[in-house]
């Protein structure tokens, strides 16, 4: 899977579960998702959707704001979970 494909899948999840005030499609990969309107509660829904979409499980030590702060940080976390 290319980085672009992964980012598109993450954007779709953010659109469906992130409760963003901005359009997920218009976000850069480095844009702060919390500043774009994502709440802590919404980040839990995003995490659960990511786990289902990418067939991963986020361990407790990764349940931090900085892991879900940007599309890039989410993508990097998924890479780590997949051993890439």
N, C-alpha and C. Protein backbone atom coordinates (compact mmCIF):
# COMPACT_ATOMS: atom_id res chain seq x y z
N UNK A 1 0.85 -1.18 0.00
CA UNK A 1 0.00 0.00 0.00
C UNK A 1 0.89 1.24 0.00
N UNK A 2 0.55 2.18 -0.85
CA UNK A 2 1.33 3.41 -0.91
C UNK A 2 0.92 4.35 0.23
N UNK A 3 1.78 5.32 0.50
CA UNK A 3 1.46 6.32 1.52
C UNK A 3 0.20 7.08 1.15
N UNK A 4 0.04 7.34 -0.14
CA UNK A 4 -1.14 8.07 -0.62
C UNK A 4 -2.41 7.26 -0.39
N UNK A 5 -2.35 5.95 -0.65
CA UNK A 5 -3.51 5.08 -0.41
C UNK A 5 -3.87 5.05 1.07
N UNK A 6 -2.84 4.93 1.92
CA UNK A 6 -3.08 4.90 3.37
C UNK A 6 -3.69 6.22 3.83
N UNK A 7 -3.15 7.33 3.35
CA UNK A 7 -3.67 8.65 3.74
C UNK A 7 -5.13 8.80 3.31
N UNK A 8 -5.48 8.28 2.14
CA UNK A 8 -6.86 8.36 1.66
C UNK A 8 -7.79 7.54 2.56
N UNK A 9 -7.34 6.38 2.99
CA UNK A 9 -8.14 5.55 3.89
C UNK A 9 -8.30 6.23 5.26
N UNK A 10 -7.23 6.85 5.74
CA UNK A 10 -7.29 7.57 7.02
C UNK A 10 -8.24 8.76 6.89
N UNK A 11 -8.16 9.49 5.79
CA UNK A 11 -9.06 10.64 5.58
C UNK A 11 -10.53 10.20 5.58
N UNK A 12 -10.82 9.05 4.96
CA UNK A 12 -12.19 8.55 4.94
C UNK A 12 -12.67 8.25 6.36
N UNK A 13 -11.81 7.65 7.16
CA UNK A 13 -12.16 7.36 8.55
C UNK A 13 -12.36 8.66 9.32
N UNK A 14 -11.50 9.63 9.10
CA UNK A 14 -11.65 10.92 9.78
C UNK A 14 -12.96 11.59 9.37
N UNK A 15 -13.31 11.48 8.10
CA UNK A 15 -14.57 12.06 7.62
C UNK A 15 -15.76 11.40 8.31
N UNK A 16 -15.70 10.07 8.46
CA UNK A 16 -16.81 9.31 9.02
C UNK A 16 -16.89 9.38 10.55
N UNK A 17 -15.74 9.49 11.23
CA UNK A 17 -15.71 9.34 12.68
C UNK A 17 -15.05 10.50 13.45
N UNK A 18 -14.34 11.39 12.75
CA UNK A 18 -13.55 12.41 13.43
C UNK A 18 -14.31 13.63 13.91
N UNK A 19 -15.54 13.81 13.43
CA UNK A 19 -16.34 14.99 13.79
C UNK A 19 -15.56 16.29 13.58
N UNK A 20 -14.87 16.36 12.47
CA UNK A 20 -14.05 17.54 12.17
C UNK A 20 -14.91 18.69 11.69
N UNK A 21 -14.48 19.90 12.02
CA UNK A 21 -15.16 21.08 11.52
C UNK A 21 -14.66 21.42 10.11
N UNK A 22 -13.53 20.84 9.72
CA UNK A 22 -12.96 21.03 8.39
C UNK A 22 -13.17 19.76 7.58
N UNK A 23 -13.17 19.89 6.26
CA UNK A 23 -13.31 18.73 5.39
C UNK A 23 -12.02 17.90 5.44
N UNK A 24 -12.14 16.63 5.75
CA UNK A 24 -10.98 15.75 5.87
C UNK A 24 -10.18 15.68 4.58
N UNK A 25 -10.86 15.80 3.44
CA UNK A 25 -10.17 15.74 2.15
C UNK A 25 -9.24 16.93 1.94
N UNK A 26 -9.54 18.04 2.56
CA UNK A 26 -8.74 19.24 2.38
C UNK A 26 -7.58 19.39 3.37
N UNK A 27 -7.47 18.46 4.30
CA UNK A 27 -6.41 18.54 5.30
C UNK A 27 -5.08 18.07 4.74
N UNK A 28 -4.02 18.77 5.12
CA UNK A 28 -2.68 18.28 4.78
C UNK A 28 -2.35 17.14 5.72
N UNK A 29 -1.34 16.37 5.39
CA UNK A 29 -0.96 15.24 6.25
C UNK A 29 -0.35 15.71 7.56
N UNK A 30 0.05 16.97 7.64
CA UNK A 30 0.67 17.50 8.86
C UNK A 30 -0.26 18.42 9.66
N UNK A 31 -1.46 18.62 9.18
CA UNK A 31 -2.40 19.52 9.86
C UNK A 31 -2.90 18.90 11.16
N UNK A 32 -2.96 19.71 12.21
CA UNK A 32 -3.40 19.26 13.53
C UNK A 32 -4.89 18.92 13.49
N UNK A 33 -5.20 17.66 13.74
CA UNK A 33 -6.59 17.20 13.67
C UNK A 33 -7.42 17.75 14.82
N UNK A 34 -6.80 17.99 15.97
CA UNK A 34 -7.53 18.55 17.10
C UNK A 34 -7.89 20.00 16.82
N UNK A 35 -6.99 20.73 16.17
CA UNK A 35 -7.31 22.10 15.78
C UNK A 35 -8.38 22.12 14.69
N UNK A 36 -8.49 21.02 13.94
CA UNK A 36 -9.51 20.91 12.89
C UNK A 36 -10.85 20.45 13.46
N UNK A 37 -10.93 20.30 14.79
CA UNK A 37 -12.20 20.01 15.42
C UNK A 37 -12.36 18.65 16.07
N UNK A 38 -11.37 17.76 15.94
CA UNK A 38 -11.51 16.44 16.55
C UNK A 38 -11.42 16.55 18.07
N UNK A 39 -12.34 15.89 18.75
CA UNK A 39 -12.32 15.86 20.22
C UNK A 39 -11.68 14.56 20.69
N UNK A 40 -11.41 14.50 21.98
CA UNK A 40 -10.86 13.27 22.55
C UNK A 40 -11.82 12.10 22.35
N UNK A 41 -13.11 12.37 22.52
CA UNK A 41 -14.11 11.31 22.33
C UNK A 41 -14.11 10.83 20.88
N UNK A 42 -14.06 11.76 19.95
CA UNK A 42 -14.03 11.38 18.53
C UNK A 42 -12.76 10.61 18.19
N UNK A 43 -11.65 10.94 18.86
CA UNK A 43 -10.40 10.23 18.58
C UNK A 43 -10.50 8.75 18.95
N UNK A 44 -11.30 8.43 19.96
CA UNK A 44 -11.52 7.02 20.32
C UNK A 44 -12.27 6.32 19.19
N UNK A 45 -13.28 6.97 18.64
CA UNK A 45 -14.01 6.40 17.51
C UNK A 45 -13.12 6.24 16.29
N UNK A 46 -12.24 7.21 16.07
CA UNK A 46 -11.28 7.13 14.97
C UNK A 46 -10.35 5.94 15.19
N UNK A 47 -9.84 5.79 16.42
CA UNK A 47 -8.93 4.69 16.73
C UNK A 47 -9.60 3.34 16.46
N UNK A 48 -10.83 3.18 16.90
CA UNK A 48 -11.54 1.92 16.70
C UNK A 48 -11.75 1.64 15.21
N UNK A 49 -12.08 2.67 14.45
CA UNK A 49 -12.26 2.51 13.01
C UNK A 49 -10.94 2.16 12.33
N UNK A 50 -9.85 2.79 12.78
CA UNK A 50 -8.53 2.48 12.23
C UNK A 50 -8.16 1.03 12.50
N UNK A 51 -8.45 0.56 13.71
CA UNK A 51 -8.14 -0.82 14.06
C UNK A 51 -8.87 -1.79 13.12
N UNK A 52 -10.12 -1.50 12.84
CA UNK A 52 -10.88 -2.35 11.94
C UNK A 52 -10.40 -2.27 10.50
N UNK A 53 -10.13 -1.07 10.06
CA UNK A 53 -9.72 -0.84 8.66
C UNK A 53 -8.36 -1.46 8.35
N UNK A 54 -7.41 -1.29 9.27
CA UNK A 54 -6.03 -1.71 9.02
C UNK A 54 -5.67 -3.02 9.74
N UNK A 55 -6.64 -3.62 10.42
CA UNK A 55 -6.44 -4.87 11.14
C UNK A 55 -5.23 -4.81 12.08
N UNK A 56 -5.24 -3.77 12.92
CA UNK A 56 -4.22 -3.57 13.93
C UNK A 56 -4.91 -3.33 15.27
N UNK A 57 -4.12 -3.35 16.33
CA UNK A 57 -4.63 -3.00 17.64
C UNK A 57 -3.64 -2.04 18.29
N UNK A 58 -4.13 -0.88 18.69
CA UNK A 58 -3.27 0.11 19.33
C UNK A 58 -3.05 -0.29 20.79
N UNK A 59 -1.79 -0.55 21.18
CA UNK A 59 -1.52 -0.88 22.58
C UNK A 59 -1.64 0.36 23.46
N UNK A 60 -1.78 0.14 24.75
CA UNK A 60 -1.97 1.25 25.69
C UNK A 60 -0.93 2.35 25.55
N UNK A 61 0.33 1.98 25.32
CA UNK A 61 1.38 3.01 25.26
C UNK A 61 1.24 3.92 24.03
N UNK A 62 0.41 3.54 23.08
CA UNK A 62 0.20 4.38 21.89
C UNK A 62 -1.08 5.21 21.99
N UNK A 63 -1.80 5.08 23.07
CA UNK A 63 -3.06 5.82 23.22
C UNK A 63 -2.77 7.21 23.77
N UNK A 64 -2.11 8.00 22.94
CA UNK A 64 -1.70 9.36 23.29
C UNK A 64 -2.15 10.32 22.20
N UNK A 65 -2.36 11.53 22.60
CA UNK A 65 -2.81 12.56 21.66
C UNK A 65 -1.86 12.70 20.47
N UNK A 66 -0.55 12.63 20.71
CA UNK A 66 0.40 12.85 19.62
C UNK A 66 0.36 11.74 18.56
N UNK A 67 -0.15 10.57 18.90
CA UNK A 67 -0.28 9.49 17.91
C UNK A 67 -1.40 9.80 16.92
N UNK A 68 -2.45 10.48 17.39
CA UNK A 68 -3.62 10.76 16.57
C UNK A 68 -3.71 12.24 16.18
N UNK A 69 -2.60 12.95 16.29
CA UNK A 69 -2.56 14.39 16.07
C UNK A 69 -2.65 14.79 14.60
N UNK A 70 -2.05 14.00 13.72
CA UNK A 70 -2.04 14.32 12.29
C UNK A 70 -2.24 13.03 11.48
N UNK A 71 -2.54 13.20 10.22
CA UNK A 71 -2.63 12.03 9.34
C UNK A 71 -1.28 11.34 9.27
N UNK A 72 -0.20 12.11 9.23
CA UNK A 72 1.14 11.52 9.19
C UNK A 72 1.45 10.72 10.44
N UNK A 73 1.07 11.23 11.61
CA UNK A 73 1.37 10.50 12.84
C UNK A 73 0.55 9.22 12.94
N UNK A 74 -0.68 9.26 12.45
CA UNK A 74 -1.51 8.05 12.42
C UNK A 74 -0.89 7.03 11.47
N UNK A 75 -0.47 7.48 10.30
CA UNK A 75 0.14 6.60 9.32
C UNK A 75 1.41 5.96 9.87
N UNK A 76 2.23 6.75 10.56
CA UNK A 76 3.46 6.23 11.15
C UNK A 76 3.15 5.19 12.22
N UNK A 77 2.12 5.42 13.01
CA UNK A 77 1.73 4.47 14.05
C UNK A 77 1.28 3.15 13.42
N UNK A 78 0.53 3.24 12.33
CA UNK A 78 0.09 2.03 11.64
C UNK A 78 1.30 1.28 11.07
N UNK A 79 2.26 2.00 10.52
CA UNK A 79 3.51 1.37 10.05
C UNK A 79 4.19 0.63 11.19
N UNK A 80 4.30 1.29 12.35
CA UNK A 80 4.94 0.65 13.51
C UNK A 80 4.20 -0.62 13.91
N UNK A 81 2.89 -0.57 13.92
CA UNK A 81 2.09 -1.72 14.33
C UNK A 81 2.21 -2.87 13.32
N UNK A 82 2.45 -2.54 12.09
CA UNK A 82 2.63 -3.57 11.05
C UNK A 82 4.08 -4.01 10.91
N UNK A 83 4.96 -3.46 11.75
CA UNK A 83 6.37 -3.85 11.71
C UNK A 83 7.14 -3.29 10.54
N UNK A 84 6.67 -2.19 9.98
CA UNK A 84 7.36 -1.55 8.84
C UNK A 84 8.31 -0.48 9.30
